[in-house]
Amino acid sequence: MNQISNQPPKGTSDWLPLEYAKRKYIFDTWRKVCLSFGYEEYLTPIIESADVYRAKSGEDVGGKELMTMVDRAGRELAIRPEMTPSVTRMVSKIYESSPKPIRLFSIANFLRNEKPQKGRNREFWQLNCDIFGSDSINADIEILQLAIEIMREFGATKDQFIVYYNDRRLIESLVTDFLKVDKSKISEATRILDKFGKINNDEFIIRLRQEVGAKIDNPSFLIDFLNLEEAAVAEVYATYFKDTENVKPAMLIDSKLEGLGLREYTKYNPSMVRGFDYYDGMVFEVFDKKDYLKRKGQLKTSESFRSLFGGGRYNGLASIFGGQSFPAVGFAPGDETTKIFLEEYGLLNIDQEDFKTYYVPILQENLSNKVLNLASILRQGEKNIVKVGLEPQKLGKALDYANKIQADYVVILGENELAEGKYILKDMKSGEQMELKL
């Protein structure tokens, strides 16, 4: 019989205790901030109808990256690659009978059939945080505020991260008014715009011209505009967007962020698109601040920076479930990109020094019940972690084991101690011993 590998499937990972502690710290921080804003936690099944994702998730996530299967009745199912279509499906069942707005969050795992690389695994975990039932600009602002607050709760500063924001309505105006692309090719053109900065500029211009028929008389002007050159942005606004309604939401976001004292964390970015087809309003992405410095020429590096996470408004998604559309806005940070960012800046705080670990060995078999009873009493301490030996040990072996598991204290209870109604508490760092009553 051939041996089965003890390695997990490609693109997935085992989390041993130290690694799990890192992820738990991330998850606990996400949960703490979401609860503080009044969001309620939910969970959906790990599988959905494959059509749920094919309808609006885009050609990658809803296509080649989808992990599918067929059930006994011949229905095609998919392991969830993202949460937005799933939570929208769930909310569509309760929307009419629920008080608005509906604030929800979940922390769940996902699977995509993509090539594993740094910061991107096949299996990954995400926080998904959404508001349903409000078309107000204040809902957009709350989502941006929540994303910034999560970063600040981790200890990140304005010098370490930046939030780029844009609006899909502005992007569509750019595509149709400036690039002169036919409306039937807006989605295709948007996907190419999403490649800006990920492919070289010449290829970017060629693809726009050849694949969607973009009219680009001055390529350098377009590149300057998409590279956050404020003069170019202002000129495009004045020339193409002055009399449209599309520019107003982005400008209102800017003023509201200023009023909240959050403007220093954010930057309008005309090249920021988001790759999912369901976005139809405000969109944003959180980046390492070094990405902005590189774009501005203030940091010389060949390193490319991926988005830490992002989100936006997706008012039209619910219509795929046969009911009415309803307003929705949200975002989804992932565990792997968050962990890499926190490690780079020394922010991955999993210090448990407030907790004290006790090791209670069984020194003699006939004392096992006494040891278990003592351990139960010690566990009543608010921050006590108590591990009990399962087999009789000599004291020397017990002390060696306590060092290996980095116990703070060893509890010594033998025949002599029991006869005197006491036990000995040995501090493993100082070596000091105290006698305490049983």
Protein backbone atom coordinates (compact mmCIF):
# COMPACT_ATOMS: atom_id res chain seq x y z
CA MET A 1 0.00 0.00 0.00
CA ASN A 2 1.34 3.42 -0.98
CA GLN A 3 1.93 5.82 1.86
CA ILE A 4 -0.28 8.93 2.02
CA SER A 5 1.54 12.25 2.30
CA ASN A 6 1.32 13.99 5.66
CA GLN A 7 1.39 17.40 3.95
CA PRO A 8 -1.82 19.44 3.54
CA PRO A 9 -3.18 20.03 0.01
CA LYS A 10 -1.32 22.62 -2.08
CA GLY A 11 -2.29 26.16 -1.19
CA THR A 12 -3.53 25.24 2.30
CA SER A 13 -1.75 25.25 5.66
CA ASP A 14 -1.79 23.50 9.01
CA TRP A 15 -1.88 25.99 11.85
CA LEU A 16 0.17 24.71 14.77
CA PRO A 17 -0.48 26.48 18.08
CA LEU A 18 1.87 29.46 17.52
CA GLU A 19 0.52 30.09 14.02
CA TYR A 20 -3.03 29.67 15.24
CA ALA A 21 -2.36 32.21 17.99
CA LYS A 22 -1.37 34.75 15.32
CA ARG A 23 -4.56 34.16 13.34
CA LYS A 24 -6.68 34.22 16.50
CA TYR A 25 -5.23 37.61 17.41
CA ILE A 26 -6.23 38.89 13.96
CA PHE A 27 -9.72 37.36 14.18
CA ASP A 28 -10.27 38.64 17.73
CA THR A 29 -9.28 42.17 16.69
CA TRP A 30 -11.64 42.09 13.71
CA ARG A 31 -14.48 40.85 15.90
CA LYS A 32 -13.83 43.42 18.63
CA VAL A 33 -14.02 46.38 16.24
CA CYS A 34 -17.09 45.10 14.36
CA LEU A 35 -19.00 44.50 17.59
CA SER A 36 -18.08 48.00 18.81
CA PHE A 37 -19.79 49.47 15.72
CA GLY A 38 -22.95 47.44 16.35
CA TYR A 39 -22.51 44.71 13.72
CA GLU A 40 -23.93 41.22 14.32
CA GLU A 41 -22.12 37.98 13.46
CA TYR A 42 -23.49 35.38 11.03
CA LEU A 43 -22.31 32.43 8.92
CA THR A 44 -23.44 30.88 5.63
CA PRO A 45 -22.79 27.36 4.22
CA ILE A 46 -19.36 26.66 2.76
CA ILE A 47 -21.01 25.57 -0.52
CA GLU A 48 -23.43 27.44 -2.79
CA SER A 49 -24.89 26.99 -6.22
CA ALA A 50 -22.05 27.66 -8.66
CA ASP A 51 -24.30 30.13 -10.51
CA VAL A 52 -24.28 32.43 -7.47
CA TYR A 53 -20.61 33.21 -8.14
CA ARG A 54 -20.66 33.00 -11.93
CA ALA A 55 -23.30 35.71 -12.13
CA LYS A 56 -21.32 38.61 -10.65
CA SER A 57 -17.94 37.60 -9.20
CA GLY A 58 -15.94 38.31 -12.36
CA GLU A 59 -14.09 36.13 -14.84
CA ASP A 60 -11.38 34.98 -12.39
CA VAL A 61 -13.18 34.33 -9.07
CA GLY A 62 -16.43 33.30 -10.78
CA GLY A 63 -14.67 31.35 -13.52
CA LYS A 64 -11.30 29.64 -13.61
CA GLU A 65 -10.72 29.91 -9.85
CA LEU A 66 -14.05 28.34 -8.89
CA MET A 67 -13.84 24.94 -7.14
CA THR A 68 -16.95 23.04 -8.23
CA MET A 69 -18.64 19.69 -7.62
CA VAL A 70 -21.89 17.95 -8.59
CA ASP A 71 -24.23 16.59 -5.92
CA ARG A 72 -26.32 13.41 -6.16
CA ALA A 73 -29.18 15.28 -7.82
CA GLY A 74 -26.90 16.66 -10.54
CA ARG A 75 -26.78 20.20 -9.15
CA GLU A 76 -23.48 22.01 -9.65
CA LEU A 77 -22.16 23.44 -6.39
CA ALA A 78 -19.08 25.51 -5.58
CA ILE A 79 -16.98 25.94 -2.47
CA ARG A 80 -17.35 29.62 -1.60
CA PRO A 81 -14.53 31.75 -3.07
CA GLU A 82 -15.89 34.93 -1.44
CA MET A 83 -18.74 35.93 0.88
CA THR A 84 -20.49 38.87 -0.80
CA PRO A 85 -22.82 36.83 -3.07
CA SER A 86 -23.58 34.41 -0.21
CA VAL A 87 -24.50 37.05 2.36
CA THR A 88 -26.54 38.91 -0.25
CA ARG A 89 -28.47 35.70 -0.95
CA MET A 90 -29.06 35.23 2.78
CA VAL A 91 -30.19 38.82 3.33
CA SER A 92 -32.53 38.67 0.32
CA LYS A 93 -34.63 36.15 2.30
CA ILE A 94 -35.09 38.44 5.31
CA TYR A 95 -34.71 41.90 3.83
CA GLU A 96 -38.38 42.89 3.73
CA SER A 97 -39.09 41.86 7.32
CA SER A 98 -35.88 43.25 8.90
CA PRO A 99 -35.36 46.73 10.36
CA LYS A 100 -32.91 48.78 8.30
CA PRO A 101 -30.03 49.24 8.15
CA ILE A 102 -28.85 45.65 8.60
CA ARG A 103 -25.27 45.51 9.90
CA LEU A 104 -23.59 42.09 9.60
CA PHE A 105 -20.12 40.56 9.80
CA SER A 106 -18.60 37.10 9.53
CA ILE A 107 -15.16 35.50 9.84
CA ALA A 108 -14.97 32.46 7.56
CA ASN A 109 -12.70 30.43 5.30
CA PHE A 110 -12.78 30.33 1.49
CA LEU A 111 -11.18 28.41 -1.37
CA ARG A 112 -10.01 29.50 -4.82
CA ASN A 113 -8.30 27.35 -7.43
CA GLU A 114 -5.47 29.78 -8.08
CA LYS A 115 -1.68 29.65 -8.05
CA PRO A 116 -0.42 30.02 -4.47
CA GLN A 117 1.96 32.94 -3.93
CA LYS A 118 3.07 35.24 -1.15
CA GLY A 119 0.02 36.75 0.48
CA ARG A 120 -2.40 34.61 -1.52
CA ASN A 121 -3.26 31.00 -0.66
CA ARG A 122 -5.92 28.74 -2.13
CA GLU A 123 -7.57 28.48 1.26
CA PHE A 124 -7.83 31.75 3.16
CA TRP A 125 -9.87 33.43 5.87
CA GLN A 126 -11.64 36.76 5.63
CA LEU A 127 -13.62 39.18 7.69
CA ASN A 128 -16.70 40.25 5.74
CA CYS A 129 -18.46 43.34 7.02
CA ASP A 130 -21.53 44.82 5.31
CA ILE A 131 -24.39 47.30 5.68
CA PHE A 132 -27.67 46.50 3.89
CA GLY A 133 -30.64 48.78 3.40
CA SER A 134 -29.06 52.25 3.29
CA ASP A 135 -28.16 54.23 0.19
CA SER A 136 -26.86 57.11 2.31
CA ILE A 137 -23.33 58.41 1.83
CA ASN A 138 -23.06 57.96 5.60
CA ALA A 139 -23.12 54.17 5.11
CA ASP A 140 -20.14 54.47 2.76
CA ILE A 141 -18.37 56.65 5.30
CA GLU A 142 -19.08 54.19 8.15
CA ILE A 143 -17.57 51.34 6.13
CA LEU A 144 -14.46 53.42 5.39
CA GLN A 145 -14.29 54.46 9.06
CA LEU A 146 -14.60 50.84 10.18
CA ALA A 147 -11.79 49.74 7.83
CA ILE A 148 -9.52 52.50 9.15
CA GLU A 149 -10.43 51.70 12.76
CA ILE A 150 -9.47 48.04 12.26
CA MET A 151 -6.03 49.10 11.06
CA ARG A 152 -5.66 51.50 13.98
CA GLU A 153 -6.76 48.82 16.45
CA PHE A 154 -3.81 46.73 15.23
CA GLY A 155 -1.60 49.72 16.06
CA ALA A 156 -0.99 50.84 12.46
CA THR A 157 -0.42 54.57 11.87
CA LYS A 158 -1.03 56.97 8.97
CA ASP A 159 2.61 56.50 8.01
CA GLN A 160 2.11 52.75 7.57
CA PHE A 161 -1.11 52.41 5.57
CA ILE A 162 -3.28 54.38 3.17
CA VAL A 163 -6.84 53.96 1.91
CA TYR A 164 -7.35 54.64 -1.80
CA TYR A 165 -10.93 55.32 -2.84
CA ASN A 166 -12.77 55.86 -6.10
CA ASP A 167 -16.28 55.52 -7.51
CA ARG A 168 -17.41 53.05 -10.17
CA ARG A 169 -19.66 55.74 -11.66
CA LEU A 170 -16.61 57.94 -12.18
CA ILE A 171 -14.76 54.99 -13.69
CA GLU A 172 -17.60 54.38 -16.14
CA SER A 173 -17.55 58.07 -17.09
CA LEU A 174 -13.82 57.80 -17.68
CA VAL A 175 -14.39 54.75 -19.90
CA THR A 176 -17.25 56.20 -21.95
CA ASP A 177 -16.55 59.98 -21.97
CA PHE A 178 -12.76 60.08 -22.03
CA LEU A 179 -11.75 56.77 -23.63
CA LYS A 180 -14.82 56.75 -25.91
CA VAL A 181 -15.48 53.04 -25.25
CA ASP A 182 -18.90 51.68 -26.17
CA LYS A 183 -21.18 51.08 -23.15
CA SER A 184 -21.43 47.40 -24.05
CA LYS A 185 -17.73 47.03 -23.23
CA ILE A 186 -17.66 48.89 -19.91
CA SER A 187 -17.07 45.72 -17.84
CA GLU A 188 -14.27 44.56 -20.13
CA ALA A 189 -12.63 48.00 -20.09
CA THR A 190 -12.93 48.17 -16.29
CA ARG A 191 -11.07 44.87 -15.97
CA ILE A 192 -8.23 46.27 -18.09
CA LEU A 193 -8.13 49.42 -15.96
CA ASP A 194 -7.82 47.13 -12.93
CA LYS A 195 -4.54 45.86 -14.45
CA PHE A 196 -2.98 49.34 -14.28
CA GLY A 197 0.27 49.15 -12.34
CA LYS A 198 0.26 45.34 -12.63
CA ILE A 199 1.33 45.35 -16.31
CA ASN A 200 3.67 47.79 -18.05
CA ASN A 201 2.20 51.01 -19.43
CA ASP A 202 2.72 50.12 -23.11
CA GLU A 203 0.83 46.83 -22.73
CA PHE A 204 -1.88 48.65 -20.77
CA ILE A 205 -2.47 51.17 -23.58
CA ILE A 206 -2.34 48.46 -26.26
CA ARG A 207 -4.95 46.36 -24.48
CA LEU A 208 -7.30 49.30 -24.08
CA ARG A 209 -7.01 50.14 -27.76
CA GLN A 210 -7.16 46.64 -29.18
CA GLU A 211 -9.57 44.87 -26.83
CA VAL A 212 -12.20 47.58 -26.21
CA GLY A 213 -11.47 50.16 -28.95
CA ALA A 214 -10.39 52.95 -26.60
CA LYS A 215 -9.56 56.29 -28.28
CA ILE A 216 -6.36 57.43 -26.61
CA ASP A 217 -4.82 60.45 -28.35
CA ASN A 218 -2.46 61.26 -25.48
CA PRO A 219 -1.33 58.10 -23.64
CA SER A 220 0.99 59.99 -21.28
CA PHE A 221 -1.90 62.16 -20.11
CA LEU A 222 -3.93 59.06 -19.23
CA ILE A 223 -0.96 57.51 -17.43
CA ASP A 224 -0.37 60.72 -15.46
CA PHE A 225 -4.04 60.83 -14.50
CA LEU A 226 -4.00 57.24 -13.26
CA ASN A 227 -0.74 57.84 -11.39
CA LEU A 228 -2.34 60.32 -8.98
CA GLU A 229 -0.96 63.45 -10.62
CA GLU A 230 -3.35 65.99 -9.14
CA ALA A 231 -3.03 68.49 -12.02
CA ALA A 232 -4.11 65.83 -14.51
CA VAL A 233 -6.97 64.75 -12.26
CA ALA A 234 -8.22 68.33 -11.98
CA GLU A 235 -7.99 68.85 -15.75
CA VAL A 236 -9.94 65.68 -16.52
CA TYR A 237 -12.60 66.69 -13.97
CA ALA A 238 -12.95 70.15 -15.46
CA THR A 239 -13.09 68.85 -19.03
CA TYR A 240 -15.22 65.72 -18.69
CA PHE A 241 -16.98 65.50 -15.35
CA LYS A 242 -17.90 69.09 -14.45
CA ASP A 243 -21.57 68.81 -15.44
CA THR A 244 -22.15 65.21 -14.39
CA GLU A 245 -23.61 63.87 -11.16
CA ASN A 246 -20.93 61.19 -10.93
CA VAL A 247 -18.24 63.40 -9.42
CA LYS A 248 -20.36 64.55 -6.47
CA PRO A 249 -20.22 61.34 -4.33
CA ALA A 250 -16.41 61.21 -4.43
CA MET A 251 -16.14 64.87 -3.49
CA LEU A 252 -18.67 64.44 -0.67
CA ILE A 253 -16.68 61.48 0.68
CA ASP A 254 -13.58 63.66 0.72
CA SER A 255 -15.28 66.42 2.75
CA LYS A 256 -16.86 63.99 5.22
CA LEU A 257 -13.54 62.23 5.83
CA GLU A 258 -12.00 65.64 6.45
CA GLY A 259 -14.69 66.41 9.02
CA LEU A 260 -14.02 63.11 10.83
CA GLY A 261 -10.28 63.73 10.98
CA LEU A 262 -9.65 60.72 8.73
CA ARG A 263 -8.46 62.54 5.61
CA GLU A 264 -4.82 61.86 6.50
CA TYR A 265 -5.46 58.12 6.06
CA THR A 266 -7.08 58.39 2.62
CA LYS A 267 -6.37 59.43 -0.97
CA TYR A 268 -8.59 59.66 -4.04
CA ASN A 269 -7.07 57.31 -6.65
CA PRO A 270 -8.51 57.37 -10.19
CA SER A 271 -6.78 54.08 -11.11
CA MET A 272 -8.35 52.14 -8.23
CA VAL A 273 -11.06 49.90 -9.72
CA ARG A 274 -11.70 46.68 -7.74
CA GLY A 275 -12.00 43.59 -9.94
CA PHE A 276 -15.49 42.34 -9.07
CA ASP A 277 -18.32 43.06 -11.51
CA TYR A 278 -20.93 43.71 -8.81
CA TYR A 279 -19.48 47.02 -7.57
CA ASP A 280 -21.54 50.01 -8.75
CA GLY A 281 -20.62 52.93 -6.46
CA MET A 282 -17.87 53.86 -4.03
CA VAL A 283 -14.90 51.45 -4.02
CA PHE A 284 -11.75 51.44 -1.89
CA GLU A 285 -8.59 49.49 -1.14
CA VAL A 286 -6.15 49.59 1.78
CA PHE A 287 -2.45 49.55 0.89
CA ASP A 288 0.88 49.67 2.65
CA LYS A 289 1.83 53.38 2.65
CA LYS A 290 5.01 52.47 0.77
CA ASP A 291 2.84 51.93 -2.33
CA TYR A 292 1.82 55.60 -2.26
CA LEU A 293 5.38 56.77 -1.68
CA LYS A 294 6.54 54.67 -4.63
CA ARG A 295 3.82 56.11 -6.88
CA LYS A 296 4.87 59.63 -5.91
CA GLY A 297 8.55 58.88 -6.59
CA GLN A 298 9.46 59.30 -2.92
CA LEU A 299 10.51 55.66 -2.49
CA LYS A 300 12.84 53.89 -4.90
CA THR A 301 12.07 50.18 -4.87
CA SER A 302 11.35 47.40 -7.34
CA GLU A 303 8.92 45.85 -4.85
CA SER A 304 5.29 45.74 -5.94
CA PHE A 305 2.57 46.20 -3.35
CA ARG A 306 -0.69 44.28 -3.34
CA SER A 307 -3.85 45.57 -1.78
CA LEU A 308 -4.23 44.53 1.86
CA PHE A 309 -8.01 44.49 1.43
CA GLY A 310 -10.85 46.47 -0.07
CA GLY A 311 -14.55 46.82 -0.64
CA GLY A 312 -17.27 49.09 -1.90
CA ARG A 313 -20.93 49.55 -2.79
CA TYR A 314 -22.87 46.85 -4.65
CA ASN A 315 -26.51 47.94 -4.81
CA GLY A 316 -27.45 45.77 -7.80
CA LEU A 317 -26.22 42.37 -6.69
CA ALA A 318 -29.42 41.18 -4.98
CA SER A 319 -31.34 41.21 -8.28
CA ILE A 320 -29.70 37.92 -9.34
CA PHE A 321 -31.87 36.15 -6.72
CA GLY A 322 -35.11 37.15 -8.41
CA GLY A 323 -36.20 39.82 -5.95
CA GLN A 324 -35.74 43.54 -5.76
CA SER A 325 -32.30 45.10 -5.53
CA PHE A 326 -31.39 46.74 -2.26
CA PRO A 327 -28.55 49.03 -1.15
CA ALA A 328 -25.41 47.32 0.14
CA VAL A 329 -21.84 48.34 0.97
CA GLY A 330 -19.04 46.40 2.63
CA PHE A 331 -15.44 45.19 2.69
CA ALA A 332 -13.36 42.06 3.35
CA PRO A 333 -9.80 41.92 4.78
CA GLY A 334 -7.95 38.59 4.52
CA ASP A 335 -5.88 36.83 7.16
CA GLU A 336 -2.70 36.29 5.11
CA THR A 337 -2.16 39.84 3.82
CA THR A 338 -3.03 41.18 7.27
CA LYS A 339 -0.52 38.87 8.95
CA ILE A 340 2.28 39.82 6.53
CA PHE A 341 1.62 43.53 7.09
CA LEU A 342 1.53 43.20 10.88
CA GLU A 343 4.73 41.13 10.96
CA GLU A 344 6.55 43.65 8.77
CA TYR A 345 5.72 46.51 11.12
CA GLY A 346 6.09 44.52 14.36
CA LEU A 347 2.38 44.78 15.16
CA LEU A 348 1.50 41.10 15.52
CA ASN A 349 0.86 41.21 19.24
CA ILE A 350 0.25 37.71 20.59
CA ASP A 351 1.94 38.32 23.94
CA GLN A 352 0.19 36.30 26.66
CA GLU A 353 2.35 37.35 29.60
CA ASP A 354 -0.75 38.29 31.61
CA PHE A 355 -1.56 34.57 31.70
CA LYS A 356 0.41 32.26 34.01
CA THR A 357 0.99 28.63 33.09
CA TYR A 358 1.15 26.01 35.83
CA TYR A 359 2.38 22.45 35.33
CA VAL A 360 1.09 19.95 37.89
CA PRO A 361 2.86 16.59 37.56
CA ILE A 362 1.65 13.31 39.02
CA LEU A 363 4.64 12.34 41.15
CA GLN A 364 2.99 9.20 42.56
CA GLU A 365 0.14 7.22 41.00
CA ASN A 366 -1.88 7.03 44.24
CA LEU A 367 -1.95 10.86 44.36
CA SER A 368 -3.52 11.35 40.92
CA ASN A 369 -6.95 12.35 42.27
CA LYS A 370 -5.37 14.80 44.72
CA VAL A 371 -3.38 16.33 41.82
CA LEU A 372 -6.50 16.64 39.64
CA ASN A 373 -8.44 18.28 42.48
CA LEU A 374 -5.63 20.76 43.11
CA ALA A 375 -5.47 21.57 39.39
CA SER A 376 -9.22 22.29 39.40
CA ILE A 377 -8.76 24.75 42.26
CA LEU A 378 -5.87 26.51 40.47
CA ARG A 379 -7.95 26.88 37.31
CA GLN A 380 -10.36 29.09 39.22
CA GLY A 381 -7.78 31.86 38.93
CA GLU A 382 -8.94 34.29 36.23
CA LYS A 383 -5.79 34.04 34.09
CA ASN A 384 -4.40 30.67 35.12
CA ILE A 385 -3.53 28.02 32.55
CA VAL A 386 -3.10 24.67 34.31
CA LYS A 387 -1.65 21.60 32.60
CA VAL A 388 -1.66 18.27 34.41
CA GLY A 389 0.72 15.36 33.81
CA LEU A 390 -1.02 12.23 32.61
CA GLU A 391 1.58 9.66 33.65
CA PRO A 392 3.59 9.38 36.90
CA GLN A 393 6.94 11.24 36.63
CA LYS A 394 10.06 11.71 38.67
CA LEU A 395 10.42 15.32 39.80
CA GLY A 396 13.50 15.87 37.60
CA LYS A 397 11.63 14.73 34.50
CA ALA A 398 8.69 16.92 35.44
CA LEU A 399 10.92 19.99 35.72
CA ASP A 400 12.53 19.24 32.34
CA TYR A 401 9.12 18.96 30.74
CA ALA A 402 7.96 22.20 32.39
CA ASN A 403 10.94 24.00 30.83
CA LYS A 404 10.13 22.61 27.39
CA ILE A 405 6.53 23.83 27.51
CA GLN A 406 7.70 27.15 29.03
CA ALA A 407 5.58 26.81 32.16
CA ASP A 408 5.80 29.67 34.65
CA TYR A 409 5.33 27.44 37.68
CA VAL A 410 5.55 23.79 38.68
CA VAL A 411 3.20 22.58 41.41
CA ILE A 412 4.83 19.90 43.60
CA LEU A 413 2.52 17.61 45.56
CA GLY A 414 4.04 14.42 47.00
CA GLU A 415 3.38 12.20 50.00
CA ASN A 416 5.33 14.49 52.34
CA GLU A 417 3.53 17.63 51.19
CA LEU A 418 0.14 15.92 51.44
CA ALA A 419 0.88 14.77 54.98
CA GLU A 420 1.65 18.38 55.97
CA GLY A 421 -1.44 19.74 54.17
CA LYS A 422 0.54 21.86 51.72
CA TYR A 423 1.99 21.99 48.21
CA ILE A 424 5.11 23.64 46.82
CA LEU A 425 4.94 26.25 44.03
CA LYS A 426 8.23 26.52 42.13
CA ASP A 427 8.87 29.64 40.01
CA MET A 428 10.63 28.31 36.90
CA LYS A 429 12.26 31.62 36.05
CA SER A 430 13.66 32.61 39.43
CA GLY A 431 13.93 29.12 40.95
CA GLU A 432 12.23 30.34 44.11
CA GLN A 433 9.81 28.03 45.93
CA MET A 434 6.79 28.85 48.09
CA GLU A 435 4.87 26.61 50.43
CA LEU A 436 1.09 27.02 50.16
CA LYS A 437 -1.77 25.41 52.02
CA LEU A 438 -3.93 22.82 50.28
